[in-house]
């Protein structure tokens, strides 16, 4: 319990929201297109990377969340299972301008692993920072 309080205190000092589970977010897919993400790196579409919304990235070119690992669980979708129950660890590499606080935009590689290669759409996700 003390460790948890210390972690929240450190997150507050450094201006980072505390690492807690985020449930019921939306997961979508995006293409990197050989363009550097907001974290400054060019990644192939096959990389296991994600884009977080401005709530996290704060419109910064080098957000403190760049490079952070996230554990994600596919909770399902409204149009079938599409990998329901799949888990994946991904790395933050970009900003998703249209994402809400609990939403994540997945690279094609991450999306394919999380959804068993679903052709696109939206899934429901639970996630947390490692």
N, C-alpha and C. Protein backbone atom coordinates (compact mmCIF):
# COMPACT_ATOMS: atom_id res chain seq x y z
N UNK A 1 0.82 -1.18 0.00
CA UNK A 1 0.00 0.00 0.00
C UNK A 1 0.87 1.25 0.00
N UNK A 2 1.94 1.24 0.76
CA UNK A 2 2.83 2.39 0.81
C UNK A 2 3.48 2.64 -0.54
N UNK A 3 3.84 1.53 -1.23
CA UNK A 3 4.45 1.67 -2.55
C UNK A 3 3.48 2.37 -3.51
N UNK A 4 2.21 1.98 -3.47
CA UNK A 4 1.20 2.58 -4.33
C UNK A 4 1.06 4.07 -4.07
N UNK A 5 1.06 4.47 -2.79
CA UNK A 5 0.95 5.88 -2.45
C UNK A 5 2.19 6.64 -2.92
N UNK A 6 3.36 6.02 -2.80
CA UNK A 6 4.59 6.66 -3.25
C UNK A 6 4.57 6.84 -4.76
N UNK A 7 4.06 5.85 -5.49
CA UNK A 7 3.99 5.93 -6.94
C UNK A 7 3.06 7.07 -7.37
N UNK A 8 1.92 7.19 -6.73
CA UNK A 8 0.99 8.27 -7.03
C UNK A 8 1.63 9.62 -6.72
N UNK A 9 2.36 9.71 -5.60
CA UNK A 9 3.03 10.95 -5.23
C UNK A 9 4.08 11.33 -6.27
N UNK A 10 4.87 10.37 -6.73
CA UNK A 10 5.87 10.65 -7.76
C UNK A 10 5.22 11.08 -9.06
N UNK A 11 4.16 10.41 -9.43
CA UNK A 11 3.46 10.77 -10.66
C UNK A 11 2.95 12.20 -10.58
N UNK A 12 2.45 12.59 -9.42
CA UNK A 12 1.94 13.94 -9.24
C UNK A 12 3.07 14.96 -9.34
N UNK A 13 4.21 14.67 -8.72
CA UNK A 13 5.36 15.58 -8.74
C UNK A 13 5.84 15.80 -10.17
N UNK A 14 5.87 14.74 -10.97
CA UNK A 14 6.38 14.85 -12.34
C UNK A 14 5.29 15.18 -13.35
N UNK A 15 4.08 15.44 -12.88
CA UNK A 15 3.01 15.83 -13.78
C UNK A 15 2.43 14.71 -14.60
N UNK A 16 2.65 13.46 -14.20
CA UNK A 16 2.12 12.32 -14.92
C UNK A 16 0.91 11.76 -14.17
N UNK A 17 -0.19 11.49 -14.89
CA UNK A 17 -1.31 10.85 -14.21
C UNK A 17 -0.88 9.50 -13.66
N UNK A 18 -1.43 9.12 -12.53
CA UNK A 18 -1.08 7.86 -11.89
C UNK A 18 -1.40 6.68 -12.81
N UNK A 19 -0.57 5.65 -12.74
CA UNK A 19 -0.76 4.46 -13.56
C UNK A 19 -1.84 3.59 -12.95
N UNK A 20 -3.03 3.70 -13.48
CA UNK A 20 -4.15 2.90 -13.02
C UNK A 20 -4.76 2.21 -14.23
N UNK A 21 -5.58 1.20 -13.97
CA UNK A 21 -6.23 0.49 -15.06
C UNK A 21 -7.27 1.38 -15.73
N UNK A 22 -7.35 1.29 -17.02
CA UNK A 22 -8.33 2.04 -17.81
C UNK A 22 -9.24 1.02 -18.48
N UNK A 23 -10.49 1.02 -18.10
CA UNK A 23 -11.42 0.02 -18.59
C UNK A 23 -12.44 0.63 -19.53
N UNK A 24 -12.81 -0.14 -20.53
CA UNK A 24 -13.87 0.28 -21.43
C UNK A 24 -13.47 1.29 -22.47
N UNK A 25 -12.17 1.41 -22.74
CA UNK A 25 -11.72 2.30 -23.80
C UNK A 25 -11.99 1.70 -25.17
N UNK A 26 -11.84 2.52 -26.19
CA UNK A 26 -12.00 2.06 -27.56
C UNK A 26 -10.63 1.84 -28.19
N UNK A 27 -10.51 0.77 -28.94
CA UNK A 27 -9.31 0.50 -29.70
C UNK A 27 -9.60 0.59 -31.18
N UNK A 28 -8.75 1.31 -31.90
CA UNK A 28 -8.88 1.46 -33.35
C UNK A 28 -7.51 1.21 -33.98
N UNK A 29 -7.45 1.18 -35.30
CA UNK A 29 -6.20 0.90 -36.00
C UNK A 29 -5.80 2.11 -36.85
N UNK A 30 -4.48 2.34 -36.96
CA UNK A 30 -3.97 3.42 -37.81
C UNK A 30 -2.73 2.95 -38.54
N UNK A 31 -2.37 3.67 -39.60
CA UNK A 31 -1.20 3.36 -40.41
C UNK A 31 -0.10 4.36 -40.11
N UNK A 32 1.12 3.87 -39.93
CA UNK A 32 2.28 4.72 -39.67
C UNK A 32 2.75 5.41 -40.96
N UNK A 33 2.63 4.73 -42.10
CA UNK A 33 2.95 5.30 -43.42
C UNK A 33 4.37 5.87 -43.53
N UNK A 34 5.34 5.25 -42.88
CA UNK A 34 6.74 5.69 -42.93
C UNK A 34 6.92 7.15 -42.54
N UNK A 35 6.11 7.63 -41.63
CA UNK A 35 6.21 9.00 -41.13
C UNK A 35 6.50 8.91 -39.63
N UNK A 36 7.36 9.79 -39.15
CA UNK A 36 7.67 9.79 -37.72
C UNK A 36 6.43 10.15 -36.92
N UNK A 37 6.21 9.40 -35.84
CA UNK A 37 5.12 9.73 -34.93
C UNK A 37 5.53 10.90 -34.05
N UNK A 38 4.64 11.33 -33.18
CA UNK A 38 4.93 12.50 -32.33
C UNK A 38 6.08 12.24 -31.36
N UNK A 39 6.45 10.97 -31.18
CA UNK A 39 7.60 10.65 -30.32
C UNK A 39 8.92 10.74 -31.09
N UNK A 40 8.85 11.01 -32.40
CA UNK A 40 10.05 11.28 -33.18
C UNK A 40 10.63 10.11 -33.95
N UNK A 41 10.03 8.93 -33.87
CA UNK A 41 10.58 7.76 -34.54
C UNK A 41 9.69 7.30 -35.69
N UNK A 42 10.34 6.82 -36.75
CA UNK A 42 9.62 6.18 -37.84
C UNK A 42 9.58 4.69 -37.52
N UNK A 43 8.39 4.12 -37.52
CA UNK A 43 8.21 2.70 -37.24
C UNK A 43 7.44 2.06 -38.39
N UNK A 44 7.74 0.80 -38.69
CA UNK A 44 6.95 0.12 -39.72
C UNK A 44 5.55 -0.18 -39.18
N UNK A 45 4.61 -0.37 -40.09
CA UNK A 45 3.25 -0.70 -39.66
C UNK A 45 3.20 -2.01 -38.88
N UNK A 46 4.22 -2.85 -39.03
CA UNK A 46 4.25 -4.13 -38.31
C UNK A 46 4.71 -3.99 -36.86
N UNK A 47 5.24 -2.84 -36.48
CA UNK A 47 5.73 -2.63 -35.10
C UNK A 47 4.57 -2.68 -34.11
N UNK A 48 4.85 -3.12 -32.90
CA UNK A 48 3.83 -3.21 -31.85
C UNK A 48 3.78 -1.89 -31.08
N UNK A 49 3.24 -0.87 -31.74
CA UNK A 49 3.20 0.48 -31.18
C UNK A 49 1.76 0.99 -31.14
N UNK A 50 1.58 2.07 -30.37
CA UNK A 50 0.26 2.68 -30.25
C UNK A 50 0.37 4.20 -30.20
N UNK A 51 -0.77 4.83 -30.41
CA UNK A 51 -0.91 6.27 -30.23
C UNK A 51 -1.93 6.51 -29.12
N UNK A 52 -1.57 7.38 -28.18
CA UNK A 52 -2.48 7.76 -27.10
C UNK A 52 -3.07 9.13 -27.41
N UNK A 53 -4.20 9.43 -26.80
CA UNK A 53 -4.86 10.71 -27.00
C UNK A 53 -4.14 11.85 -26.32
N UNK A 54 -4.58 13.07 -26.62
CA UNK A 54 -3.97 14.27 -26.07
C UNK A 54 -4.07 14.36 -24.55
N UNK A 55 -5.02 13.66 -23.95
CA UNK A 55 -5.10 13.64 -22.49
C UNK A 55 -3.75 13.20 -21.92
N UNK A 56 -3.12 12.24 -22.57
CA UNK A 56 -1.82 11.72 -22.13
C UNK A 56 -0.66 12.46 -22.77
N UNK A 57 -0.75 12.71 -24.07
CA UNK A 57 0.39 13.23 -24.81
C UNK A 57 0.53 14.74 -24.72
N UNK A 58 -0.51 15.45 -24.39
CA UNK A 58 -0.50 16.91 -24.14
C UNK A 58 0.06 17.72 -25.30
N UNK A 59 -0.14 17.24 -26.53
CA UNK A 59 0.35 17.94 -27.73
C UNK A 59 1.85 18.23 -27.68
N UNK A 60 2.59 17.41 -26.98
CA UNK A 60 4.04 17.59 -26.89
C UNK A 60 4.73 16.72 -27.92
N UNK A 61 5.79 17.25 -28.52
CA UNK A 61 6.55 16.45 -29.47
C UNK A 61 7.23 15.28 -28.77
N UNK A 62 7.71 15.49 -27.57
CA UNK A 62 8.37 14.41 -26.83
C UNK A 62 7.69 14.26 -25.47
N UNK A 63 6.52 13.69 -25.50
CA UNK A 63 5.76 13.45 -24.27
C UNK A 63 6.53 12.51 -23.35
N UNK A 64 6.39 12.66 -22.04
CA UNK A 64 7.02 11.71 -21.12
C UNK A 64 6.47 10.30 -21.27
N UNK A 65 5.37 10.14 -22.00
CA UNK A 65 4.81 8.80 -22.22
C UNK A 65 5.43 8.10 -23.41
N UNK A 66 6.21 8.81 -24.22
CA UNK A 66 6.89 8.17 -25.35
C UNK A 66 7.77 7.04 -24.84
N UNK A 67 7.62 5.88 -25.46
CA UNK A 67 8.42 4.72 -25.08
C UNK A 67 7.86 3.90 -23.93
N UNK A 68 6.82 4.40 -23.27
CA UNK A 68 6.21 3.64 -22.17
C UNK A 68 5.53 2.39 -22.70
N UNK A 69 5.57 1.33 -21.92
CA UNK A 69 4.92 0.07 -22.26
C UNK A 69 3.51 0.06 -21.68
N UNK A 70 2.59 -0.51 -22.43
CA UNK A 70 1.20 -0.63 -22.01
C UNK A 70 0.76 -2.08 -22.20
N UNK A 71 0.09 -2.62 -21.18
CA UNK A 71 -0.52 -3.94 -21.29
C UNK A 71 -1.98 -3.74 -21.67
N UNK A 72 -2.39 -4.39 -22.76
CA UNK A 72 -3.75 -4.21 -23.28
C UNK A 72 -4.47 -5.55 -23.34
N UNK A 73 -5.75 -5.53 -23.01
CA UNK A 73 -6.60 -6.72 -23.17
C UNK A 73 -7.76 -6.35 -24.08
N UNK A 74 -8.01 -7.20 -25.07
CA UNK A 74 -9.14 -7.05 -25.98
C UNK A 74 -10.37 -7.61 -25.27
N UNK A 75 -11.31 -6.75 -24.91
CA UNK A 75 -12.51 -7.16 -24.19
C UNK A 75 -13.61 -7.60 -25.16
N UNK A 76 -13.50 -7.23 -26.43
CA UNK A 76 -14.48 -7.64 -27.43
C UNK A 76 -14.91 -6.47 -28.29
N UNK A 77 -15.91 -6.72 -29.12
CA UNK A 77 -16.45 -5.67 -29.98
C UNK A 77 -17.95 -5.86 -30.11
N UNK A 78 -18.59 -4.91 -30.73
CA UNK A 78 -20.03 -5.00 -30.95
C UNK A 78 -20.36 -5.83 -32.19
N UNK A 79 -19.34 -6.23 -32.94
CA UNK A 79 -19.60 -6.94 -34.19
C UNK A 79 -18.92 -8.31 -34.24
N UNK A 80 -18.76 -8.97 -33.10
CA UNK A 80 -18.15 -10.29 -33.07
C UNK A 80 -16.99 -10.34 -32.11
N UNK A 81 -16.37 -11.51 -32.00
CA UNK A 81 -15.30 -11.68 -31.01
C UNK A 81 -14.01 -10.98 -31.41
N UNK A 82 -13.58 -11.10 -32.64
CA UNK A 82 -12.38 -10.42 -33.15
C UNK A 82 -11.23 -10.43 -32.15
N UNK A 83 -10.87 -11.61 -31.64
CA UNK A 83 -9.73 -11.72 -30.73
C UNK A 83 -10.06 -11.45 -29.28
N UNK A 84 -11.32 -11.48 -28.92
CA UNK A 84 -11.71 -11.22 -27.53
C UNK A 84 -10.89 -12.09 -26.59
N UNK A 85 -10.32 -11.46 -25.57
CA UNK A 85 -9.49 -12.16 -24.59
C UNK A 85 -8.00 -12.08 -24.89
N UNK A 86 -7.63 -11.66 -26.10
CA UNK A 86 -6.21 -11.53 -26.43
C UNK A 86 -5.57 -10.42 -25.60
N UNK A 87 -4.31 -10.66 -25.19
CA UNK A 87 -3.52 -9.69 -24.43
C UNK A 87 -2.28 -9.34 -25.23
N UNK A 88 -1.79 -8.12 -25.06
CA UNK A 88 -0.61 -7.68 -25.80
C UNK A 88 0.07 -6.55 -25.05
N UNK A 89 1.40 -6.52 -25.12
CA UNK A 89 2.16 -5.39 -24.59
C UNK A 89 2.65 -4.57 -25.77
N UNK A 90 2.40 -3.27 -25.73
CA UNK A 90 2.74 -2.36 -26.82
C UNK A 90 3.54 -1.18 -26.28
N UNK A 91 4.11 -0.40 -27.19
CA UNK A 91 4.92 0.76 -26.82
C UNK A 91 4.29 2.04 -27.38
N UNK A 92 4.23 3.08 -26.56
CA UNK A 92 3.68 4.37 -26.99
C UNK A 92 4.66 5.04 -27.95
N UNK A 93 4.16 5.42 -29.15
CA UNK A 93 5.02 6.02 -30.16
C UNK A 93 4.41 7.22 -30.87
N UNK A 94 3.15 7.54 -30.56
CA UNK A 94 2.50 8.59 -31.34
C UNK A 94 1.31 9.16 -30.56
N UNK A 95 0.72 10.21 -31.13
CA UNK A 95 -0.47 10.84 -30.56
C UNK A 95 -1.66 10.58 -31.46
N UNK A 96 -2.77 10.23 -30.86
CA UNK A 96 -4.04 10.04 -31.57
C UNK A 96 -4.91 11.26 -31.28
N UNK A 97 -5.06 12.13 -32.27
CA UNK A 97 -5.80 13.38 -32.08
C UNK A 97 -7.27 13.16 -31.75
N UNK A 98 -7.86 12.07 -32.25
CA UNK A 98 -9.29 11.84 -32.06
C UNK A 98 -9.61 10.90 -30.89
N UNK A 99 -8.59 10.44 -30.19
CA UNK A 99 -8.80 9.48 -29.09
C UNK A 99 -9.18 10.18 -27.79
N UNK A 100 -10.09 9.55 -27.07
CA UNK A 100 -10.44 10.01 -25.74
C UNK A 100 -9.43 9.51 -24.71
N UNK A 101 -9.66 9.80 -23.46
CA UNK A 101 -8.73 9.46 -22.38
C UNK A 101 -8.40 7.98 -22.31
N UNK A 102 -9.38 7.11 -22.49
CA UNK A 102 -9.16 5.67 -22.35
C UNK A 102 -8.99 4.95 -23.69
N UNK A 103 -8.93 5.68 -24.79
CA UNK A 103 -8.84 5.09 -26.12
C UNK A 103 -7.39 4.96 -26.57
N UNK A 104 -7.15 3.97 -27.42
CA UNK A 104 -5.82 3.75 -27.99
C UNK A 104 -5.97 3.45 -29.48
N UNK A 105 -5.09 4.03 -30.28
CA UNK A 105 -4.99 3.76 -31.71
C UNK A 105 -3.80 2.81 -31.90
N UNK A 106 -4.04 1.65 -32.50
CA UNK A 106 -3.02 0.61 -32.64
C UNK A 106 -2.41 0.60 -34.03
N UNK A 107 -1.10 0.34 -34.10
CA UNK A 107 -0.46 0.10 -35.39
C UNK A 107 -1.09 -1.16 -35.99
N UNK A 108 -0.91 -1.36 -37.29
CA UNK A 108 -1.46 -2.54 -37.96
C UNK A 108 -0.94 -3.82 -37.30
N UNK A 109 0.36 -3.86 -36.99
CA UNK A 109 0.94 -5.05 -36.36
C UNK A 109 0.31 -5.36 -35.02
N UNK A 110 0.15 -4.34 -34.19
CA UNK A 110 -0.47 -4.53 -32.88
C UNK A 110 -1.94 -4.92 -33.03
N UNK A 111 -2.64 -4.24 -33.92
CA UNK A 111 -4.06 -4.52 -34.17
C UNK A 111 -4.25 -5.98 -34.60
N UNK A 112 -3.40 -6.43 -35.55
CA UNK A 112 -3.53 -7.81 -36.04
C UNK A 112 -3.35 -8.84 -34.93
N UNK A 113 -2.39 -8.61 -34.04
CA UNK A 113 -2.18 -9.55 -32.94
C UNK A 113 -3.32 -9.49 -31.92
N UNK A 114 -3.83 -8.31 -31.67
CA UNK A 114 -4.87 -8.14 -30.66
C UNK A 114 -6.24 -8.60 -31.15
N UNK A 115 -6.49 -8.52 -32.45
CA UNK A 115 -7.82 -8.82 -32.99
C UNK A 115 -7.85 -10.05 -33.91
N UNK A 116 -6.77 -10.81 -33.96
CA UNK A 116 -6.68 -11.94 -34.89
C UNK A 116 -6.91 -11.48 -36.33
N UNK A 117 -6.29 -10.36 -36.67
CA UNK A 117 -6.31 -9.79 -38.02
C UNK A 117 -7.70 -9.34 -38.47
N UNK A 118 -8.46 -8.79 -37.56
CA UNK A 118 -9.76 -8.21 -37.92
C UNK A 118 -9.54 -7.11 -38.95
N UNK A 119 -10.43 -6.97 -39.94
CA UNK A 119 -10.20 -5.99 -41.00
C UNK A 119 -10.29 -4.53 -40.56
N UNK A 120 -10.66 -4.26 -39.36
CA UNK A 120 -10.75 -2.88 -38.88
C UNK A 120 -11.96 -2.71 -38.00
N UNK A 121 -12.27 -1.49 -37.68
CA UNK A 121 -13.41 -1.22 -36.82
C UNK A 121 -12.96 -0.76 -35.45
N UNK A 122 -13.75 -1.09 -34.45
CA UNK A 122 -13.48 -0.67 -33.08
C UNK A 122 -13.64 -1.85 -32.14
N UNK A 123 -12.72 -1.98 -31.20
CA UNK A 123 -12.85 -2.99 -30.15
C UNK A 123 -12.90 -2.28 -28.81
N UNK A 124 -13.37 -2.99 -27.81
CA UNK A 124 -13.37 -2.47 -26.44
C UNK A 124 -12.12 -3.02 -25.77
N UNK A 125 -11.39 -2.15 -25.06
CA UNK A 125 -10.12 -2.55 -24.45
C UNK A 125 -10.05 -2.15 -22.98
N UNK A 126 -9.30 -2.93 -22.24
CA UNK A 126 -8.84 -2.57 -20.90
C UNK A 126 -7.33 -2.45 -21.01
N UNK A 127 -6.73 -1.48 -20.33
CA UNK A 127 -5.28 -1.33 -20.43
C UNK A 127 -4.72 -0.64 -19.20
N UNK A 128 -3.39 -0.80 -19.06
CA UNK A 128 -2.67 -0.11 -17.98
C UNK A 128 -1.20 0.01 -18.36
N UNK A 129 -0.54 1.01 -17.81
CA UNK A 129 0.89 1.16 -18.02
C UNK A 129 1.61 0.08 -17.23
N UNK A 130 2.72 -0.42 -17.79
CA UNK A 130 3.55 -1.39 -17.06
C UNK A 130 4.36 -0.66 -16.02
